[in-house]
């Protein structure tokens, strides 16, 4: 059995903690806020990334050359931003089903599609792990697009 390095375990642990935090946070979203807009607002999971020094270009290349293709293949309508100034290098908004507390489509579906694209789950996990190794810090939040702004 292959053992993960401490950096990869730490990165996966950080990502897992972020998803748990989002789940707990969204359970506190007032149902009255959801009902007030007639359920027409769009909810997003926003993840902000700051990459390690000298790793932003390589990390963004993985996002653009690999992750974006999977998002398109499964119909995930992400809203990504590559920052030129400020605290973060990349911020991405994932459509969120607040009832299920899952991105639309699910992260499980996304990972399966990444595995198909990359030639297997081991290759997909290796690519994702190398991306996570380039992340210095990240932050996960929940955002709402008010119904008046929904296209």
N, C-alpha and C. Protein backbone atom coordinates (compact mmCIF):
# COMPACT_ATOMS: atom_id res chain seq x y z
N UNK A 1 0.84 -1.19 0.00
CA UNK A 1 0.00 0.00 0.00
C UNK A 1 0.89 1.25 0.00
N UNK A 2 0.57 2.17 -0.85
CA UNK A 2 1.33 3.39 -1.00
C UNK A 2 0.91 4.39 0.09
N UNK A 3 1.89 4.98 0.73
CA UNK A 3 1.60 5.95 1.79
C UNK A 3 1.67 7.36 1.24
N UNK A 4 0.77 8.20 1.70
CA UNK A 4 0.78 9.61 1.30
C UNK A 4 1.82 10.34 2.12
N UNK A 5 2.42 11.36 1.53
CA UNK A 5 3.36 12.19 2.25
C UNK A 5 2.63 13.10 3.21
N UNK A 6 3.33 13.68 4.17
CA UNK A 6 2.68 14.55 5.16
C UNK A 6 2.06 15.80 4.53
N UNK A 7 2.66 16.32 3.46
CA UNK A 7 2.10 17.52 2.82
C UNK A 7 0.77 17.19 2.17
N UNK A 8 0.70 16.06 1.45
CA UNK A 8 -0.54 15.66 0.79
C UNK A 8 -1.63 15.38 1.81
N UNK A 9 -1.29 14.66 2.89
CA UNK A 9 -2.29 14.40 3.94
C UNK A 9 -2.79 15.72 4.52
N UNK A 10 -1.87 16.65 4.76
CA UNK A 10 -2.24 17.94 5.33
C UNK A 10 -3.14 18.71 4.37
N UNK A 11 -2.84 18.67 3.08
CA UNK A 11 -3.65 19.38 2.09
C UNK A 11 -5.05 18.78 2.02
N UNK A 12 -5.14 17.45 1.98
CA UNK A 12 -6.46 16.82 1.95
C UNK A 12 -7.23 17.10 3.23
N UNK A 13 -6.53 17.10 4.37
CA UNK A 13 -7.18 17.39 5.65
C UNK A 13 -7.73 18.82 5.62
N UNK A 14 -6.94 19.77 5.11
CA UNK A 14 -7.39 21.16 5.03
C UNK A 14 -8.61 21.28 4.14
N UNK A 15 -8.58 20.61 2.98
CA UNK A 15 -9.72 20.65 2.07
C UNK A 15 -10.96 20.03 2.73
N UNK A 16 -10.77 18.89 3.41
CA UNK A 16 -11.88 18.23 4.09
C UNK A 16 -12.46 19.14 5.18
N UNK A 17 -11.59 19.77 5.96
CA UNK A 17 -12.06 20.67 7.01
C UNK A 17 -12.85 21.82 6.40
N UNK A 18 -12.40 22.32 5.24
CA UNK A 18 -13.13 23.39 4.56
C UNK A 18 -14.53 22.96 4.17
N UNK A 19 -14.65 21.74 3.61
CA UNK A 19 -15.97 21.25 3.22
C UNK A 19 -16.87 21.04 4.44
N UNK A 20 -16.31 20.54 5.54
CA UNK A 20 -17.09 20.36 6.77
C UNK A 20 -17.54 21.72 7.29
N UNK A 21 -16.64 22.70 7.26
CA UNK A 21 -16.99 24.04 7.73
C UNK A 21 -18.13 24.63 6.90
N UNK A 22 -18.05 24.42 5.58
CA UNK A 22 -19.12 24.92 4.72
C UNK A 22 -20.43 24.24 5.06
N UNK A 23 -20.39 22.94 5.29
CA UNK A 23 -21.61 22.22 5.65
C UNK A 23 -22.21 22.76 6.93
N UNK A 24 -21.36 22.99 7.93
CA UNK A 24 -21.87 23.52 9.19
C UNK A 24 -22.38 24.95 9.03
N UNK A 25 -21.64 25.74 8.28
CA UNK A 25 -22.02 27.13 8.07
C UNK A 25 -23.35 27.25 7.35
N UNK A 26 -23.53 26.45 6.30
CA UNK A 26 -24.75 26.58 5.53
C UNK A 26 -25.96 26.04 6.27
N UNK A 27 -25.73 25.19 7.26
CA UNK A 27 -26.87 24.73 8.04
C UNK A 27 -27.45 25.86 8.88
N UNK A 28 -26.66 26.94 9.03
CA UNK A 28 -27.13 28.09 9.80
C UNK A 28 -27.76 29.17 8.93
N UNK A 29 -27.78 28.95 7.60
CA UNK A 29 -28.40 29.94 6.72
C UNK A 29 -29.87 30.04 7.08
N UNK A 30 -30.32 31.22 7.39
CA UNK A 30 -31.73 31.36 7.78
C UNK A 30 -32.66 30.94 6.65
N UNK A 31 -33.57 30.04 6.97
CA UNK A 31 -34.55 29.60 5.98
C UNK A 31 -35.42 30.78 5.56
N UNK A 32 -35.57 31.76 6.44
CA UNK A 32 -36.37 32.93 6.08
C UNK A 32 -35.69 33.70 4.95
N UNK A 33 -34.35 33.70 4.93
CA UNK A 33 -33.63 34.38 3.85
C UNK A 33 -33.87 33.66 2.54
N UNK A 34 -33.92 32.34 2.59
CA UNK A 34 -34.18 31.57 1.38
C UNK A 34 -35.62 31.76 0.92
N UNK A 35 -36.54 31.79 1.88
CA UNK A 35 -37.95 31.93 1.54
C UNK A 35 -38.28 33.34 1.06
N UNK A 36 -37.56 34.34 1.57
CA UNK A 36 -37.85 35.72 1.22
C UNK A 36 -37.68 35.99 -0.26
N UNK A 37 -36.79 35.27 -0.91
CA UNK A 37 -36.60 35.50 -2.34
C UNK A 37 -37.36 34.48 -3.18
N UNK A 38 -38.26 33.75 -2.54
CA UNK A 38 -39.06 32.77 -3.27
C UNK A 38 -38.26 31.57 -3.74
N UNK A 39 -37.09 31.36 -3.14
CA UNK A 39 -36.25 30.23 -3.53
C UNK A 39 -35.57 30.44 -4.87
N UNK A 40 -35.57 31.65 -5.40
CA UNK A 40 -35.00 31.91 -6.72
C UNK A 40 -33.55 32.37 -6.68
N UNK A 41 -33.03 32.65 -5.51
CA UNK A 41 -31.63 33.08 -5.42
C UNK A 41 -30.72 31.91 -5.76
N UNK A 42 -29.54 32.24 -6.21
CA UNK A 42 -28.53 31.22 -6.49
C UNK A 42 -27.50 31.24 -5.37
N UNK A 43 -27.15 30.07 -4.90
CA UNK A 43 -26.17 29.93 -3.82
C UNK A 43 -24.88 29.36 -4.40
N UNK A 44 -23.76 29.81 -3.83
CA UNK A 44 -22.45 29.38 -4.30
C UNK A 44 -21.53 29.05 -3.14
N UNK A 45 -20.67 28.08 -3.39
CA UNK A 45 -19.55 27.82 -2.49
C UNK A 45 -18.38 28.55 -3.11
N UNK A 46 -17.82 29.51 -2.40
CA UNK A 46 -16.70 30.30 -2.91
C UNK A 46 -15.42 29.81 -2.23
N UNK A 47 -14.43 29.46 -3.06
CA UNK A 47 -13.14 29.03 -2.51
C UNK A 47 -12.07 29.97 -3.05
N UNK A 48 -11.33 30.58 -2.12
CA UNK A 48 -10.24 31.49 -2.46
C UNK A 48 -8.93 30.77 -2.22
N UNK A 49 -7.99 30.92 -3.17
CA UNK A 49 -6.69 30.26 -3.08
C UNK A 49 -5.56 31.28 -3.12
N UNK A 50 -4.60 31.09 -2.25
CA UNK A 50 -3.32 31.80 -2.31
C UNK A 50 -2.28 30.71 -2.51
N UNK A 51 -1.51 30.79 -3.60
CA UNK A 51 -0.54 29.77 -3.91
C UNK A 51 0.82 30.10 -3.29
N UNK A 52 1.62 29.07 -3.11
CA UNK A 52 2.96 29.24 -2.58
C UNK A 52 3.77 30.10 -3.55
N UNK A 53 4.79 30.76 -3.02
CA UNK A 53 5.63 31.65 -3.82
C UNK A 53 6.17 30.91 -5.04
N UNK A 54 5.97 31.52 -6.21
CA UNK A 54 6.47 30.95 -7.45
C UNK A 54 5.63 29.82 -8.03
N UNK A 55 4.50 29.49 -7.41
CA UNK A 55 3.68 28.36 -7.86
C UNK A 55 2.36 28.77 -8.51
N UNK A 56 2.04 30.05 -8.52
CA UNK A 56 0.74 30.48 -9.05
C UNK A 56 0.57 30.11 -10.51
N UNK A 57 1.57 30.35 -11.33
CA UNK A 57 1.44 30.06 -12.76
C UNK A 57 1.20 28.57 -13.01
N UNK A 58 1.94 27.73 -12.31
CA UNK A 58 1.77 26.27 -12.47
C UNK A 58 0.40 25.81 -11.97
N UNK A 59 -0.04 26.34 -10.84
CA UNK A 59 -1.34 25.97 -10.28
C UNK A 59 -2.47 26.42 -11.21
N UNK A 60 -2.38 27.63 -11.74
CA UNK A 60 -3.40 28.12 -12.66
C UNK A 60 -3.42 27.32 -13.95
N UNK A 61 -2.27 26.83 -14.38
CA UNK A 61 -2.20 26.00 -15.57
C UNK A 61 -2.98 24.69 -15.35
N UNK A 62 -2.85 24.10 -14.17
CA UNK A 62 -3.62 22.89 -13.85
C UNK A 62 -5.11 23.20 -13.87
N UNK A 63 -5.49 24.32 -13.28
CA UNK A 63 -6.90 24.71 -13.27
C UNK A 63 -7.42 24.86 -14.70
N UNK A 64 -6.69 25.62 -15.51
CA UNK A 64 -7.16 25.93 -16.87
C UNK A 64 -7.07 24.74 -17.82
N UNK A 65 -6.01 23.93 -17.69
CA UNK A 65 -5.79 22.82 -18.62
C UNK A 65 -6.49 21.52 -18.22
N UNK A 66 -6.84 21.38 -16.94
CA UNK A 66 -7.41 20.12 -16.48
C UNK A 66 -8.77 20.29 -15.80
N UNK A 67 -8.82 21.11 -14.74
CA UNK A 67 -10.04 21.24 -13.95
C UNK A 67 -11.17 21.88 -14.74
N UNK A 68 -10.84 22.91 -15.52
CA UNK A 68 -11.88 23.60 -16.30
C UNK A 68 -12.52 22.66 -17.32
N UNK A 69 -11.73 21.78 -17.92
CA UNK A 69 -12.26 20.82 -18.89
C UNK A 69 -13.27 19.88 -18.23
N UNK A 70 -12.98 19.46 -17.00
CA UNK A 70 -13.90 18.58 -16.28
C UNK A 70 -15.18 19.33 -15.95
N UNK A 71 -15.06 20.57 -15.49
CA UNK A 71 -16.25 21.37 -15.19
C UNK A 71 -17.15 21.47 -16.41
N UNK A 72 -16.57 21.73 -17.57
CA UNK A 72 -17.35 21.84 -18.80
C UNK A 72 -17.97 20.50 -19.17
N UNK A 73 -17.20 19.42 -19.03
CA UNK A 73 -17.68 18.09 -19.40
C UNK A 73 -18.90 17.66 -18.59
N UNK A 74 -18.93 18.03 -17.30
CA UNK A 74 -20.06 17.62 -16.46
C UNK A 74 -21.13 18.70 -16.35
N UNK A 75 -20.93 19.82 -17.02
CA UNK A 75 -21.93 20.87 -17.02
C UNK A 75 -21.93 21.73 -15.77
N UNK A 76 -20.84 21.75 -15.04
CA UNK A 76 -20.75 22.58 -13.83
C UNK A 76 -20.49 24.01 -14.26
N UNK A 77 -21.34 24.92 -13.83
CA UNK A 77 -21.26 26.32 -14.23
C UNK A 77 -20.51 27.13 -13.18
N UNK A 78 -19.20 26.93 -13.13
CA UNK A 78 -18.36 27.65 -12.17
C UNK A 78 -18.14 29.08 -12.66
N UNK A 79 -17.82 29.93 -11.71
CA UNK A 79 -17.46 31.31 -12.02
C UNK A 79 -16.06 31.52 -11.42
N UNK A 80 -15.02 31.41 -12.27
CA UNK A 80 -13.65 31.54 -11.75
C UNK A 80 -13.06 32.93 -12.00
N UNK A 81 -12.17 33.34 -11.11
CA UNK A 81 -11.46 34.60 -11.26
C UNK A 81 -9.98 34.37 -10.95
N UNK A 82 -9.10 34.82 -11.85
CA UNK A 82 -7.67 34.85 -11.60
C UNK A 82 -7.34 36.29 -11.23
N UNK A 83 -6.86 36.49 -10.00
CA UNK A 83 -6.63 37.85 -9.50
C UNK A 83 -5.26 38.36 -9.92
N UNK A 84 -5.19 39.63 -10.25
CA UNK A 84 -3.93 40.29 -10.58
C UNK A 84 -3.41 41.10 -9.39
N UNK A 85 -4.31 41.49 -8.49
CA UNK A 85 -3.94 42.23 -7.30
C UNK A 85 -4.71 41.65 -6.12
N UNK A 86 -4.30 42.02 -4.94
CA UNK A 86 -5.03 41.62 -3.74
C UNK A 86 -4.44 40.40 -3.06
N UNK A 87 -5.17 39.92 -2.08
CA UNK A 87 -4.72 38.83 -1.21
C UNK A 87 -4.70 37.47 -1.90
N UNK A 88 -5.65 37.22 -2.81
CA UNK A 88 -5.83 35.90 -3.38
C UNK A 88 -5.31 35.82 -4.82
N UNK A 89 -4.90 34.61 -5.21
CA UNK A 89 -4.46 34.36 -6.59
C UNK A 89 -5.61 33.88 -7.47
N UNK A 90 -6.54 33.15 -6.88
CA UNK A 90 -7.64 32.56 -7.64
C UNK A 90 -8.84 32.39 -6.70
N UNK A 91 -10.00 32.77 -7.18
CA UNK A 91 -11.25 32.57 -6.44
C UNK A 91 -12.23 31.94 -7.41
N UNK A 92 -12.90 30.89 -6.95
CA UNK A 92 -13.86 30.21 -7.81
C UNK A 92 -15.17 30.04 -7.05
N UNK A 93 -16.28 30.26 -7.76
CA UNK A 93 -17.62 30.11 -7.20
C UNK A 93 -18.25 28.88 -7.83
N UNK A 94 -18.63 27.91 -6.98
CA UNK A 94 -19.28 26.69 -7.43
C UNK A 94 -20.77 26.75 -7.10
N UNK A 95 -21.66 26.47 -8.06
CA UNK A 95 -23.09 26.41 -7.74
C UNK A 95 -23.32 25.43 -6.60
N UNK A 96 -24.17 25.81 -5.66
CA UNK A 96 -24.37 25.02 -4.45
C UNK A 96 -25.84 24.70 -4.24
N UNK A 97 -26.12 23.45 -3.98
CA UNK A 97 -27.46 23.00 -3.59
C UNK A 97 -27.48 23.05 -2.07
N UNK A 98 -28.10 24.08 -1.50
CA UNK A 98 -28.08 24.25 -0.04
C UNK A 98 -28.89 23.19 0.68
N UNK A 99 -29.86 22.58 0.01
CA UNK A 99 -30.65 21.53 0.65
C UNK A 99 -29.78 20.28 0.86
N UNK A 100 -28.94 19.96 -0.10
CA UNK A 100 -28.07 18.77 0.00
C UNK A 100 -26.68 19.11 0.51
N UNK A 101 -26.36 20.41 0.54
CA UNK A 101 -25.04 20.88 0.93
C UNK A 101 -23.96 20.26 0.04
N UNK A 102 -24.20 20.34 -1.25
CA UNK A 102 -23.29 19.77 -2.24
C UNK A 102 -23.22 20.69 -3.44
N UNK A 103 -22.06 20.70 -4.07
CA UNK A 103 -21.95 21.47 -5.29
C UNK A 103 -22.81 20.82 -6.38
N UNK A 104 -23.09 21.59 -7.41
CA UNK A 104 -23.92 21.10 -8.52
C UNK A 104 -23.06 21.11 -9.78
N UNK A 105 -22.82 19.99 -10.40
CA UNK A 105 -22.90 18.61 -9.93
C UNK A 105 -21.96 18.36 -8.74
N UNK A 106 -22.10 17.19 -8.14
CA UNK A 106 -21.40 16.88 -6.90
C UNK A 106 -19.89 16.77 -7.11
N UNK A 107 -19.15 16.93 -6.03
CA UNK A 107 -17.69 16.76 -6.06
C UNK A 107 -17.32 15.32 -6.42
N UNK A 108 -18.15 14.37 -6.02
CA UNK A 108 -17.90 12.96 -6.36
C UNK A 108 -17.98 12.77 -7.87
N UNK A 109 -19.00 13.34 -8.49
CA UNK A 109 -19.15 13.26 -9.94
C UNK A 109 -17.97 13.95 -10.63
N UNK A 110 -17.53 15.07 -10.10
CA UNK A 110 -16.41 15.81 -10.66
C UNK A 110 -15.14 14.96 -10.61
N UNK A 111 -14.89 14.33 -9.47
CA UNK A 111 -13.67 13.53 -9.32
C UNK A 111 -13.69 12.32 -10.26
N UNK A 112 -14.85 11.70 -10.45
CA UNK A 112 -14.97 10.58 -11.40
C UNK A 112 -14.65 11.06 -12.81
N UNK A 113 -15.15 12.23 -13.18
CA UNK A 113 -14.88 12.78 -14.50
C UNK A 113 -13.40 13.13 -14.66
N UNK A 114 -12.78 13.65 -13.60
CA UNK A 114 -11.35 13.93 -13.65
C UNK A 114 -10.56 12.64 -13.86
N UNK A 115 -10.97 11.58 -13.17
CA UNK A 115 -10.30 10.28 -13.33
C UNK A 115 -10.44 9.78 -14.77
N UNK A 116 -11.61 9.94 -15.35
CA UNK A 116 -11.81 9.54 -16.73
C UNK A 116 -10.95 10.34 -17.70
N UNK A 117 -10.82 11.61 -17.43
CA UNK A 117 -10.02 12.50 -18.27
C UNK A 117 -8.53 12.21 -18.15
N UNK A 118 -8.08 11.91 -16.94
CA UNK A 118 -6.65 11.75 -16.68
C UNK A 118 -6.15 10.32 -16.82
N UNK A 119 -7.04 9.36 -17.11
CA UNK A 119 -6.60 7.99 -17.32
C UNK A 119 -6.67 7.10 -16.09
N UNK A 120 -7.44 7.49 -15.10
CA UNK A 120 -7.63 6.66 -13.92
C UNK A 120 -7.63 7.47 -12.64
N UNK A 121 -8.16 6.86 -11.59
CA UNK A 121 -8.28 7.55 -10.31
C UNK A 121 -6.92 7.88 -9.71
N UNK A 122 -5.96 6.99 -9.86
CA UNK A 122 -4.63 7.24 -9.31
C UNK A 122 -4.01 8.49 -9.94
N UNK A 123 -4.12 8.62 -11.26
CA UNK A 123 -3.58 9.79 -11.95
C UNK A 123 -4.33 11.06 -11.55
N UNK A 124 -5.65 10.94 -11.40
CA UNK A 124 -6.46 12.10 -10.99
C UNK A 124 -6.07 12.56 -9.59
N UNK A 125 -5.91 11.61 -8.68
CA UNK A 125 -5.52 11.96 -7.31
C UNK A 125 -4.12 12.57 -7.28
N UNK A 126 -3.24 12.05 -8.12
CA UNK A 126 -1.87 12.60 -8.17
C UNK A 126 -1.91 14.04 -8.66
N UNK A 127 -2.68 14.31 -9.73
CA UNK A 127 -2.81 15.67 -10.25
C UNK A 127 -3.42 16.60 -9.20
N UNK A 128 -4.50 16.15 -8.57
CA UNK A 128 -5.17 16.96 -7.56
C UNK A 128 -4.24 17.20 -6.38
N UNK A 129 -3.49 16.17 -5.99
CA UNK A 129 -2.52 16.30 -4.90
C UNK A 129 -1.42 17.29 -5.23
N UNK A 130 -0.94 17.27 -6.47
CA UNK A 130 0.12 18.22 -6.84
C UNK A 130 -0.43 19.65 -6.84
N UNK A 131 -1.71 19.81 -7.24
CA UNK A 131 -2.34 21.12 -7.15
C UNK A 131 -2.41 21.58 -5.69
N UNK A 132 -2.88 20.70 -4.82
CA UNK A 132 -3.01 21.07 -3.41
C UNK A 132 -1.66 21.39 -2.78
N UNK A 133 -0.61 20.73 -3.24
CA UNK A 133 0.74 21.01 -2.73
C UNK A 133 1.18 22.44 -3.04
N UNK A 134 0.60 23.05 -4.05
CA UNK A 134 0.96 24.42 -4.44
C UNK A 134 0.16 25.47 -3.68
N UNK A 135 -0.84 25.05 -2.91
CA UNK A 135 -1.71 25.98 -2.17
C UNK A 135 -1.07 26.34 -0.84
N UNK A 136 -0.84 27.62 -0.64
CA UNK A 136 -0.31 28.11 0.64
C UNK A 136 -1.43 28.19 1.66
N UNK A 137 -2.56 28.75 1.23
CA UNK A 137 -3.73 28.86 2.10
C UNK A 137 -4.98 28.99 1.23
N UNK A 138 -6.10 28.64 1.83
CA UNK A 138 -7.37 28.77 1.13
C UNK A 138 -8.46 29.11 2.13
N UNK A 139 -9.56 29.58 1.60
CA UNK A 139 -10.70 29.97 2.44
C UNK A 139 -11.96 29.56 1.70
N UNK A 140 -12.91 28.97 2.41
CA UNK A 140 -14.18 28.55 1.82
C UNK A 140 -15.31 29.33 2.48
N UNK A 141 -16.19 29.88 1.65
CA UNK A 141 -17.32 30.66 2.14
C UNK A 141 -18.56 30.32 1.33
N UNK A 142 -19.70 30.77 1.82
CA UNK A 142 -20.97 30.61 1.12
C UNK A 142 -21.43 32.00 0.68
N UNK A 143 -21.86 32.09 -0.58
CA UNK A 143 -22.34 33.37 -1.11
C UNK A 143 -23.70 33.17 -1.75
N UNK A 144 -24.47 34.24 -1.77
CA UNK A 144 -25.79 34.20 -2.38
C UNK A 144 -25.88 35.26 -3.46
N UNK A 145 -26.34 34.86 -4.64
CA UNK A 145 -26.66 35.80 -5.70
C UNK A 145 -28.15 36.10 -5.56
N UNK A 146 -28.49 37.33 -5.20
CA UNK A 146 -29.90 37.65 -4.99
C UNK A 146 -30.74 37.38 -6.24
N UNK A 147 -31.98 37.04 -6.03
CA UNK A 147 -32.88 36.68 -7.12
C UNK A 147 -32.95 37.76 -8.20
N UNK A 148 -32.84 39.03 -7.81
CA UNK A 148 -32.91 40.10 -8.79
C UNK A 148 -31.73 40.10 -9.75
N UNK A 149 -30.65 39.42 -9.40
CA UNK A 149 -29.46 39.34 -10.25
C UNK A 149 -29.35 38.03 -11.01
N UNK A 150 -30.20 37.07 -10.70
CA UNK A 150 -30.14 35.76 -11.37
C UNK A 150 -30.55 35.93 -12.82
N UNK A 151 -29.71 35.47 -13.76
CA UNK A 151 -30.05 35.65 -15.18
C UNK A 151 -31.29 34.87 -15.59
